């Protein structure tokens, strides 16, 4: 099977060509995570977004820590999703030159693939049960809210398999001589 590869500029390219589908998948991951992050940000600023008034108070709390937690969780989630790009970009193969002491050194393949595979496992355990979202009762949510939350969180179920596909491609690309 012939894979179509992306020709990256020499100054920004990876050592071996990256299949075009892998680049697309790696860029899709942060976009899949974005709806749930934006939804949490909305809750953090006090929008009910499907929760009853009491449910929102129970979820966010009455101190600054609830909203701060939701914002931090959203930022952390997006950063984790953006790390998928390292599997298709040069900084996932060679430490950028601007990093003191390590700049320019090749990153050992296991240093990238082991955390990526651990991420796949954690994401699968965390988000696969969400497939059953609509079968569980949620007394603090409105019917519209359950539908909204289902649609903004359901894409997260795809995160683990997409990360697995990009990780397999990375492993293959880095192991071929």
N, C-alpha and C. Protein backbone atom coordinates (compact mmCIF):
# COMPACT_ATOMS: atom_id res chain seq x y z
N UNK A 1 0.84 -1.17 0.00
CA UNK A 1 0.00 0.00 0.00
C UNK A 1 0.88 1.24 0.00
N UNK A 2 0.59 2.18 -0.85
CA UNK A 2 1.36 3.41 -0.95
C UNK A 2 0.67 4.47 -0.10
N UNK A 3 1.45 5.08 0.82
CA UNK A 3 0.90 6.14 1.65
C UNK A 3 1.33 7.47 1.09
N UNK A 4 0.40 8.39 1.03
CA UNK A 4 0.72 9.73 0.58
C UNK A 4 1.37 10.46 1.74
N UNK A 5 2.51 11.08 1.51
CA UNK A 5 3.23 11.77 2.57
C UNK A 5 3.21 13.26 2.33
N UNK A 6 3.39 13.98 3.42
CA UNK A 6 3.45 15.42 3.36
C UNK A 6 4.91 15.82 3.20
N UNK A 7 5.20 16.67 2.26
CA UNK A 7 6.56 17.17 2.11
C UNK A 7 6.67 18.45 2.94
N UNK A 8 7.35 18.35 4.07
CA UNK A 8 7.53 19.50 4.94
C UNK A 8 8.80 20.24 4.55
N UNK A 9 8.85 21.55 4.76
CA UNK A 9 10.06 22.30 4.43
C UNK A 9 11.25 21.75 5.21
N UNK A 10 12.44 21.74 4.62
CA UNK A 10 13.62 21.18 5.28
C UNK A 10 13.89 21.80 6.64
N UNK A 11 13.64 23.08 6.81
CA UNK A 11 13.93 23.72 8.09
C UNK A 11 12.93 23.32 9.16
N UNK A 12 11.75 22.90 8.77
CA UNK A 12 10.72 22.56 9.74
C UNK A 12 10.31 21.10 9.63
N UNK A 13 10.95 20.32 8.78
CA UNK A 13 10.50 18.97 8.50
C UNK A 13 10.95 17.93 9.50
N UNK A 14 10.24 16.84 9.50
CA UNK A 14 10.65 15.70 10.29
C UNK A 14 11.71 14.94 9.51
N UNK A 15 12.37 14.01 10.15
CA UNK A 15 13.45 13.29 9.47
C UNK A 15 12.93 12.41 8.34
N UNK A 16 11.77 11.85 8.52
CA UNK A 16 11.13 11.05 7.46
C UNK A 16 9.77 11.66 7.18
N UNK A 17 9.30 11.51 5.95
CA UNK A 17 7.99 12.10 5.61
C UNK A 17 6.87 11.56 6.50
N UNK A 18 5.96 12.45 6.82
CA UNK A 18 4.81 12.11 7.65
C UNK A 18 3.62 11.88 6.73
N UNK A 19 2.94 10.74 6.85
CA UNK A 19 1.75 10.51 6.02
C UNK A 19 0.72 11.64 6.21
N UNK A 20 0.13 12.05 5.14
CA UNK A 20 -0.84 13.15 5.17
C UNK A 20 -2.00 12.87 6.13
N UNK A 21 -2.49 11.63 6.14
CA UNK A 21 -3.61 11.31 7.02
C UNK A 21 -3.22 11.50 8.49
N UNK A 22 -1.96 11.20 8.83
CA UNK A 22 -1.50 11.34 10.21
C UNK A 22 -1.50 12.80 10.64
N UNK A 23 -1.06 13.66 9.75
CA UNK A 23 -1.05 15.10 10.06
C UNK A 23 -2.49 15.58 10.29
N UNK A 24 -3.40 15.14 9.44
CA UNK A 24 -4.80 15.53 9.59
C UNK A 24 -5.40 15.05 10.90
N UNK A 25 -5.12 13.81 11.25
CA UNK A 25 -5.65 13.25 12.51
C UNK A 25 -5.06 13.99 13.70
N UNK A 26 -3.75 14.24 13.67
CA UNK A 26 -3.10 14.94 14.79
C UNK A 26 -3.68 16.35 14.97
N UNK A 27 -4.02 17.01 13.87
CA UNK A 27 -4.63 18.34 13.98
C UNK A 27 -6.10 18.27 14.40
N UNK A 28 -6.75 17.16 14.13
CA UNK A 28 -8.16 17.01 14.51
C UNK A 28 -8.34 16.83 16.01
N UNK A 29 -7.38 16.21 16.67
CA UNK A 29 -7.52 15.90 18.10
C UNK A 29 -7.80 17.15 18.94
N UNK A 30 -7.02 18.22 18.85
CA UNK A 30 -7.34 19.41 19.66
C UNK A 30 -8.71 20.00 19.33
N UNK A 31 -9.14 19.84 18.08
CA UNK A 31 -10.46 20.35 17.70
C UNK A 31 -11.58 19.50 18.31
N UNK A 32 -11.35 18.20 18.47
CA UNK A 32 -12.35 17.34 19.10
C UNK A 32 -12.51 17.66 20.58
N UNK A 33 -11.44 18.09 21.20
CA UNK A 33 -11.44 18.38 22.63
C UNK A 33 -12.03 19.76 22.91
N UNK A 34 -11.98 20.65 21.94
CA UNK A 34 -12.39 22.04 22.12
C UNK A 34 -13.84 22.23 22.61
N UNK A 35 -14.85 21.54 22.07
CA UNK A 35 -16.22 21.79 22.55
C UNK A 35 -16.39 21.58 24.05
N UNK A 36 -15.83 20.51 24.60
CA UNK A 36 -15.98 20.27 26.04
C UNK A 36 -15.22 21.32 26.85
N UNK A 37 -14.07 21.76 26.34
CA UNK A 37 -13.31 22.80 27.04
C UNK A 37 -14.08 24.12 27.06
N UNK A 38 -14.66 24.47 25.93
CA UNK A 38 -15.46 25.70 25.88
C UNK A 38 -16.69 25.60 26.77
N UNK A 39 -17.30 24.44 26.83
CA UNK A 39 -18.46 24.23 27.70
C UNK A 39 -18.07 24.44 29.16
N UNK A 40 -16.94 23.87 29.58
CA UNK A 40 -16.48 24.06 30.96
C UNK A 40 -16.16 25.52 31.24
N UNK A 41 -15.57 26.21 30.26
CA UNK A 41 -15.28 27.64 30.44
C UNK A 41 -16.58 28.43 30.65
N UNK A 42 -17.61 28.06 29.90
CA UNK A 42 -18.92 28.70 30.08
C UNK A 42 -19.46 28.49 31.48
N UNK A 43 -19.31 27.27 32.00
CA UNK A 43 -19.74 27.01 33.37
C UNK A 43 -18.94 27.85 34.35
N UNK A 44 -17.65 27.99 34.09
CA UNK A 44 -16.77 28.74 34.99
C UNK A 44 -17.19 30.20 35.11
N UNK A 45 -17.74 30.76 34.04
CA UNK A 45 -18.18 32.16 34.10
C UNK A 45 -19.63 32.29 34.56
N UNK A 46 -20.25 31.17 34.92
CA UNK A 46 -21.58 31.22 35.51
C UNK A 46 -22.74 30.93 34.59
N UNK A 47 -22.48 30.54 33.35
CA UNK A 47 -23.57 30.16 32.46
C UNK A 47 -24.06 28.77 32.84
N UNK A 48 -25.36 28.56 32.95
CA UNK A 48 -25.85 27.24 33.39
C UNK A 48 -25.59 26.13 32.37
N UNK A 49 -25.65 26.42 31.09
CA UNK A 49 -25.35 25.48 30.01
C UNK A 49 -25.89 24.07 30.24
N UNK A 50 -27.16 24.02 30.61
CA UNK A 50 -27.83 22.73 30.76
C UNK A 50 -28.03 22.28 32.19
N UNK A 51 -27.40 22.94 33.13
CA UNK A 51 -27.59 22.59 34.54
C UNK A 51 -28.74 23.39 35.13
N UNK A 52 -29.40 22.81 36.10
CA UNK A 52 -30.37 23.58 36.86
C UNK A 52 -29.58 24.56 37.72
N UNK A 53 -30.26 25.53 38.28
CA UNK A 53 -29.57 26.53 39.12
C UNK A 53 -28.85 25.86 40.29
N UNK A 54 -29.54 24.93 40.94
CA UNK A 54 -28.94 24.21 42.07
C UNK A 54 -27.79 23.32 41.59
N UNK A 55 -27.98 22.68 40.46
CA UNK A 55 -26.94 21.81 39.91
C UNK A 55 -25.66 22.57 39.58
N UNK A 56 -25.83 23.78 39.03
CA UNK A 56 -24.66 24.61 38.72
C UNK A 56 -23.95 25.01 40.00
N UNK A 57 -24.71 25.40 41.02
CA UNK A 57 -24.10 25.75 42.31
C UNK A 57 -23.36 24.57 42.90
N UNK A 58 -23.96 23.37 42.81
CA UNK A 58 -23.30 22.17 43.34
C UNK A 58 -22.02 21.85 42.58
N UNK A 59 -22.05 22.05 41.29
CA UNK A 59 -20.89 21.72 40.45
C UNK A 59 -19.76 22.73 40.61
N UNK A 60 -20.09 24.00 40.50
CA UNK A 60 -19.06 25.05 40.50
C UNK A 60 -18.73 25.52 41.91
N UNK A 61 -19.69 25.47 42.80
CA UNK A 61 -19.47 25.94 44.17
C UNK A 61 -19.69 27.43 44.27
N UNK A 62 -19.39 27.96 45.44
CA UNK A 62 -19.63 29.38 45.69
C UNK A 62 -18.33 30.15 45.90
N UNK A 63 -17.20 29.46 45.82
CA UNK A 63 -15.91 30.13 45.96
C UNK A 63 -15.26 30.25 44.59
N UNK A 64 -14.09 30.83 44.55
CA UNK A 64 -13.38 30.97 43.27
C UNK A 64 -12.75 29.66 42.82
N UNK A 65 -12.65 28.67 43.72
CA UNK A 65 -11.95 27.43 43.39
C UNK A 65 -12.67 26.59 42.34
N UNK A 66 -13.98 26.58 42.33
CA UNK A 66 -14.73 25.83 41.33
C UNK A 66 -14.47 26.34 39.91
N UNK A 67 -14.69 27.63 39.68
CA UNK A 67 -14.38 28.16 38.35
C UNK A 67 -12.90 28.02 37.97
N UNK A 68 -12.02 28.23 38.93
CA UNK A 68 -10.59 28.09 38.66
C UNK A 68 -10.25 26.66 38.25
N UNK A 69 -10.87 25.69 38.91
CA UNK A 69 -10.67 24.28 38.57
C UNK A 69 -11.15 24.00 37.14
N UNK A 70 -12.33 24.51 36.79
CA UNK A 70 -12.87 24.27 35.45
C UNK A 70 -11.99 24.89 34.37
N UNK A 71 -11.48 26.08 34.61
CA UNK A 71 -10.59 26.73 33.64
C UNK A 71 -9.29 25.94 33.53
N UNK A 72 -8.71 25.57 34.68
CA UNK A 72 -7.46 24.80 34.67
C UNK A 72 -7.64 23.46 33.95
N UNK A 73 -8.76 22.79 34.19
CA UNK A 73 -9.03 21.52 33.54
C UNK A 73 -9.16 21.70 32.03
N UNK A 74 -9.80 22.77 31.61
CA UNK A 74 -9.94 23.04 30.18
C UNK A 74 -8.59 23.31 29.53
N UNK A 75 -7.77 24.11 30.18
CA UNK A 75 -6.44 24.42 29.64
C UNK A 75 -5.58 23.16 29.60
N UNK A 76 -5.59 22.39 30.67
CA UNK A 76 -4.81 21.15 30.72
C UNK A 76 -5.25 20.17 29.65
N UNK A 77 -6.55 20.06 29.43
CA UNK A 77 -7.08 19.16 28.41
C UNK A 77 -6.62 19.59 27.02
N UNK A 78 -6.68 20.87 26.73
CA UNK A 78 -6.23 21.36 25.41
C UNK A 78 -4.73 21.17 25.22
N UNK A 79 -3.95 21.41 26.27
CA UNK A 79 -2.50 21.22 26.17
C UNK A 79 -2.20 19.74 25.89
N UNK A 80 -2.88 18.85 26.60
CA UNK A 80 -2.68 17.41 26.36
C UNK A 80 -3.04 17.04 24.93
N UNK A 81 -4.13 17.59 24.42
CA UNK A 81 -4.54 17.31 23.04
C UNK A 81 -3.52 17.86 22.05
N UNK A 82 -2.99 19.04 22.33
CA UNK A 82 -2.00 19.65 21.42
C UNK A 82 -0.70 18.86 21.38
N UNK A 83 -0.40 18.09 22.43
CA UNK A 83 0.81 17.27 22.43
C UNK A 83 0.77 16.21 21.33
N UNK A 84 -0.40 15.87 20.85
CA UNK A 84 -0.53 14.93 19.73
C UNK A 84 0.23 15.45 18.51
N UNK A 85 0.30 16.75 18.38
CA UNK A 85 1.01 17.34 17.24
C UNK A 85 2.51 17.00 17.27
N UNK A 86 3.05 16.74 18.44
CA UNK A 86 4.45 16.36 18.54
C UNK A 86 4.76 15.06 17.82
N UNK A 87 3.75 14.26 17.58
CA UNK A 87 3.96 12.99 16.88
C UNK A 87 4.08 13.18 15.37
N UNK A 88 3.79 14.38 14.90
CA UNK A 88 3.90 14.66 13.45
C UNK A 88 4.79 15.85 13.16
N UNK A 89 5.34 16.47 14.17
CA UNK A 89 6.18 17.65 14.01
C UNK A 89 7.61 17.33 14.43
N UNK A 90 8.56 18.13 14.00
CA UNK A 90 9.97 17.88 14.33
C UNK A 90 10.27 17.87 15.82
N UNK A 91 9.56 18.68 16.61
CA UNK A 91 9.84 18.72 18.04
C UNK A 91 9.45 17.43 18.76
N UNK A 92 8.85 16.49 18.06
CA UNK A 92 8.59 15.16 18.62
C UNK A 92 9.71 14.18 18.30
N UNK A 93 10.68 14.65 17.53
CA UNK A 93 11.82 13.80 17.14
C UNK A 93 13.16 14.35 17.63
N UNK A 94 13.28 15.66 17.60
CA UNK A 94 14.54 16.33 18.00
C UNK A 94 14.19 17.46 18.95
N UNK A 95 14.93 17.55 20.06
CA UNK A 95 14.70 18.62 21.02
C UNK A 95 15.01 19.96 20.33
N UNK A 96 14.09 20.92 20.41
CA UNK A 96 14.35 22.23 19.78
C UNK A 96 15.66 22.84 20.29
N UNK A 97 16.38 23.50 19.39
CA UNK A 97 17.70 24.06 19.70
C UNK A 97 17.68 25.08 20.83
N UNK A 98 16.58 25.76 21.03
CA UNK A 98 16.52 26.81 22.04
C UNK A 98 16.47 26.26 23.47
N UNK A 99 16.30 24.95 23.63
CA UNK A 99 16.26 24.37 24.98
C UNK A 99 17.69 24.11 25.45
N UNK A 100 18.07 24.72 26.57
CA UNK A 100 19.45 24.59 27.05
C UNK A 100 19.84 23.13 27.31
N UNK A 101 21.07 22.80 27.02
CA UNK A 101 21.71 21.51 27.24
C UNK A 101 21.20 20.38 26.34
N UNK A 102 19.93 20.35 26.06
CA UNK A 102 19.36 19.24 25.29
C UNK A 102 19.08 19.59 23.83
N UNK A 103 19.07 20.88 23.51
CA UNK A 103 18.71 21.33 22.18
C UNK A 103 19.51 20.64 21.08
N UNK A 104 18.80 20.13 20.07
CA UNK A 104 19.42 19.47 18.94
C UNK A 104 19.59 17.97 19.09
N UNK A 105 19.40 17.44 20.28
CA UNK A 105 19.54 16.00 20.50
C UNK A 105 18.29 15.26 20.02
N UNK A 106 18.52 14.09 19.47
CA UNK A 106 17.41 13.24 19.04
C UNK A 106 16.70 12.69 20.27
N UNK A 107 15.38 12.73 20.23
CA UNK A 107 14.58 12.19 21.33
C UNK A 107 14.45 10.69 21.11
N UNK A 108 14.83 9.87 22.10
CA UNK A 108 14.66 8.42 21.94
C UNK A 108 13.19 8.08 21.70
N UNK A 109 12.96 7.18 20.77
CA UNK A 109 11.59 6.81 20.41
C UNK A 109 10.75 6.41 21.63
N UNK A 110 11.26 5.59 22.57
CA UNK A 110 10.43 5.23 23.73
C UNK A 110 10.05 6.42 24.61
N UNK A 111 10.88 7.47 24.61
CA UNK A 111 10.56 8.65 25.41
C UNK A 111 9.30 9.35 24.90
N UNK A 112 8.94 9.09 23.66
CA UNK A 112 7.72 9.66 23.08
C UNK A 112 6.60 8.63 23.07
N UNK A 113 6.92 7.40 22.66
CA UNK A 113 5.85 6.42 22.48
C UNK A 113 5.30 5.87 23.80
N UNK A 114 6.14 5.72 24.82
CA UNK A 114 5.64 5.21 26.10
C UNK A 114 4.60 6.16 26.69
N UNK A 115 4.90 7.47 26.82
CA UNK A 115 3.85 8.37 27.32
C UNK A 115 2.62 8.42 26.40
N UNK A 116 2.84 8.31 25.08
CA UNK A 116 1.70 8.34 24.16
C UNK A 116 0.80 7.13 24.38
N UNK A 117 1.39 5.94 24.53
CA UNK A 117 0.58 4.74 24.77
C UNK A 117 -0.09 4.78 26.14
N UNK A 118 0.60 5.34 27.14
CA UNK A 118 -0.05 5.51 28.44
C UNK A 118 -1.24 6.47 28.32
N UNK A 119 -1.06 7.51 27.51
CA UNK A 119 -2.16 8.43 27.25
C UNK A 119 -3.33 7.75 26.58
N UNK A 120 -3.05 6.88 25.63
CA UNK A 120 -4.12 6.12 24.97
C UNK A 120 -4.90 5.31 26.00
N UNK A 121 -4.18 4.62 26.88
CA UNK A 121 -4.84 3.79 27.90
C UNK A 121 -5.69 4.63 28.85
N UNK A 122 -5.13 5.73 29.33
CA UNK A 122 -5.87 6.59 30.27
C UNK A 122 -7.10 7.19 29.58
N UNK A 123 -6.93 7.67 28.36
CA UNK A 123 -8.05 8.27 27.65
C UNK A 123 -9.15 7.24 27.36
N UNK A 124 -8.76 6.03 27.00
CA UNK A 124 -9.75 4.98 26.74
C UNK A 124 -10.54 4.67 28.02
N UNK A 125 -9.83 4.55 29.14
CA UNK A 125 -10.51 4.28 30.42
C UNK A 125 -11.40 5.44 30.84
N UNK A 126 -10.95 6.64 30.59
CA UNK A 126 -11.68 7.83 31.01
C UNK A 126 -12.92 8.11 30.16
N UNK A 127 -12.79 8.00 28.83
CA UNK A 127 -13.85 8.47 27.96
C UNK A 127 -14.73 7.39 27.34
N UNK A 128 -14.28 6.15 27.24
CA UNK A 128 -15.13 5.12 26.65
C UNK A 128 -16.46 4.95 27.39
N UNK A 129 -16.47 5.00 28.73
CA UNK A 129 -17.77 4.90 29.41
C UNK A 129 -18.76 6.01 29.03
N UNK A 130 -18.24 7.09 28.46
CA UNK A 130 -19.13 8.18 28.07
C UNK A 130 -20.08 7.77 26.95
N UNK A 131 -19.79 6.67 26.29
CA UNK A 131 -20.72 6.16 25.28
C UNK A 131 -22.10 5.87 25.87
N UNK A 132 -22.14 5.67 27.18
CA UNK A 132 -23.39 5.34 27.87
C UNK A 132 -24.02 6.55 28.56
N UNK A 133 -23.58 7.75 28.21
CA UNK A 133 -24.04 8.99 28.84
C UNK A 133 -25.55 9.09 28.91
N UNK A 134 -26.22 8.79 27.80
CA UNK A 134 -27.67 9.00 27.76
C UNK A 134 -28.45 7.94 28.54
N UNK A 135 -27.80 6.91 29.03
CA UNK A 135 -28.51 5.89 29.80
C UNK A 135 -28.47 6.18 31.30
N UNK A 136 -27.67 7.15 31.71
CA UNK A 136 -27.52 7.46 33.12
C UNK A 136 -28.38 8.66 33.50
N UNK A 137 -29.04 8.59 34.67
CA UNK A 137 -29.85 9.74 35.08
C UNK A 137 -28.95 10.88 35.58
N UNK A 138 -29.37 12.10 35.31
CA UNK A 138 -28.65 13.29 35.76
C UNK A 138 -29.69 14.27 36.28
N UNK A 139 -29.97 14.21 37.58
CA UNK A 139 -31.06 15.00 38.16
C UNK A 139 -30.76 16.49 38.17
N UNK A 140 -29.49 16.88 38.12
CA UNK A 140 -29.13 18.29 38.16
C UNK A 140 -29.08 18.94 36.77
N UNK A 141 -29.48 18.19 35.74
CA UNK A 141 -29.43 18.71 34.39
C UNK A 141 -30.82 18.74 33.76
N UNK A 142 -31.00 19.69 32.88
CA UNK A 142 -32.23 19.73 32.11
C UNK A 142 -32.11 18.72 30.96
N UNK A 143 -33.21 18.40 30.31
CA UNK A 143 -33.16 17.47 29.18
C UNK A 143 -32.29 18.04 28.06
N UNK A 144 -32.43 19.33 27.81
CA UNK A 144 -31.60 19.98 26.80
C UNK A 144 -30.13 19.95 27.21
N UNK A 145 -29.89 20.13 28.48
CA UNK A 145 -28.52 20.10 29.00
C UNK A 145 -27.87 18.75 28.81
N UNK A 146 -28.62 17.68 29.06
CA UNK A 146 -28.08 16.33 28.86
C UNK A 146 -27.71 16.12 27.40
N UNK A 147 -28.54 16.62 26.51
CA UNK A 147 -28.26 16.51 25.08
C UNK A 147 -27.02 17.32 24.72
N UNK A 148 -26.95 18.55 25.22
CA UNK A 148 -25.80 19.43 24.95
C UNK A 148 -24.50 18.79 25.46
N UNK A 149 -24.51 18.35 26.70
CA UNK A 149 -23.30 17.74 27.27
C UNK A 149 -22.93 16.48 26.51
N UNK A 150 -23.91 15.71 26.14
CA UNK A 150 -23.62 14.51 25.36
C UNK A 150 -22.90 14.84 24.07
N UNK A 151 -23.35 15.87 23.38
CA UNK A 151 -22.73 16.22 22.11
C UNK A 151 -21.37 16.90 22.25
N UNK A 152 -21.13 17.63 23.35
CA UNK A 152 -19.81 18.26 23.49
C UNK A 152 -18.77 17.30 24.06
N UNK A 153 -19.23 16.27 24.78
CA UNK A 153 -18.28 15.31 25.35
C UNK A 153 -18.10 14.05 24.50
N UNK A 154 -19.08 13.69 23.70
CA UNK A 154 -18.98 12.47 22.90
C UNK A 154 -17.75 12.43 21.99
N UNK A 155 -17.31 13.54 21.41
CA UNK A 155 -16.09 13.48 20.58
C UNK A 155 -14.85 13.01 21.36
N UNK A 156 -14.85 13.17 22.67
CA UNK A 156 -13.70 12.74 23.47
C UNK A 156 -13.51 11.22 23.43
N UNK A 157 -14.57 10.50 23.11
CA UNK A 157 -14.47 9.04 22.98
C UNK A 157 -13.49 8.68 21.86
N UNK A 158 -13.42 9.53 20.84
CA UNK A 158 -12.53 9.27 19.70
C UNK A 158 -11.07 9.62 19.98
N UNK A 159 -10.80 10.32 21.06
CA UNK A 159 -9.44 10.78 21.35
C UNK A 159 -8.46 9.61 21.46
N UNK A 160 -8.78 8.59 22.23
CA UNK A 160 -7.86 7.45 22.42
C UNK A 160 -7.56 6.73 21.10
N UNK A 161 -8.55 6.33 20.32
CA UNK A 161 -8.21 5.65 19.07
C UNK A 161 -7.45 6.54 18.08
N UNK A 162 -7.74 7.82 18.05
CA UNK A 162 -7.01 8.71 17.15
C UNK A 162 -5.56 8.87 17.60
N UNK A 163 -5.36 9.01 18.90
CA UNK A 163 -3.99 9.09 19.42
C UNK A 163 -3.25 7.79 19.16
N UNK A 164 -3.93 6.65 19.28
CA UNK A 164 -3.30 5.36 19.00
C UNK A 164 -2.86 5.28 17.53
N UNK A 165 -3.70 5.74 16.63
CA UNK A 165 -3.35 5.70 15.20
C UNK A 165 -2.13 6.58 14.91
N UNK A 166 -2.09 7.77 15.47
CA UNK A 166 -0.97 8.67 15.24
C UNK A 166 0.30 8.11 15.89
N UNK A 167 0.15 7.50 17.06
CA UNK A 167 1.31 6.90 17.74
C UNK A 167 1.86 5.73 16.94
N UNK A 168 1.00 4.89 16.39
CA UNK A 168 1.47 3.79 15.54
C UNK A 168 2.22 4.31 14.32
N UNK A 169 1.70 5.35 13.72
CA UNK A 169 2.37 5.95 12.57
C UNK A 169 3.75 6.50 12.96
N UNK A 170 3.81 7.16 14.10
CA UNK A 170 5.07 7.71 14.61
C UNK A 170 6.09 6.58 14.83
N UNK A 171 5.63 5.52 15.50
CA UNK A 171 6.52 4.38 15.75
C UNK A 171 7.05 3.80 14.45
N UNK A 172 6.19 3.62 13.50
CA UNK A 172 6.59 3.05 12.22
C UNK A 172 7.59 3.97 11.51
N UNK A 173 7.29 5.25 11.49
CA UNK A 173 8.15 6.21 10.82
C UNK A 173 9.53 6.28 11.48
N UNK A 174 9.55 6.20 12.81
CA UNK A 174 10.83 6.30 13.52
C UNK A 174 11.61 4.98 13.51
N UNK A 175 10.96 3.85 13.20
CA UNK A 175 11.67 2.57 13.22
C UNK A 175 12.18 2.16 11.84
N UNK A 176 11.61 2.75 10.79
CA UNK A 176 12.05 2.43 9.42
C UNK A 176 13.40 3.07 9.19
N UNK A 177 14.33 2.28 8.66
CA UNK A 177 15.66 2.87 8.43
C UNK A 177 15.86 3.32 7.02
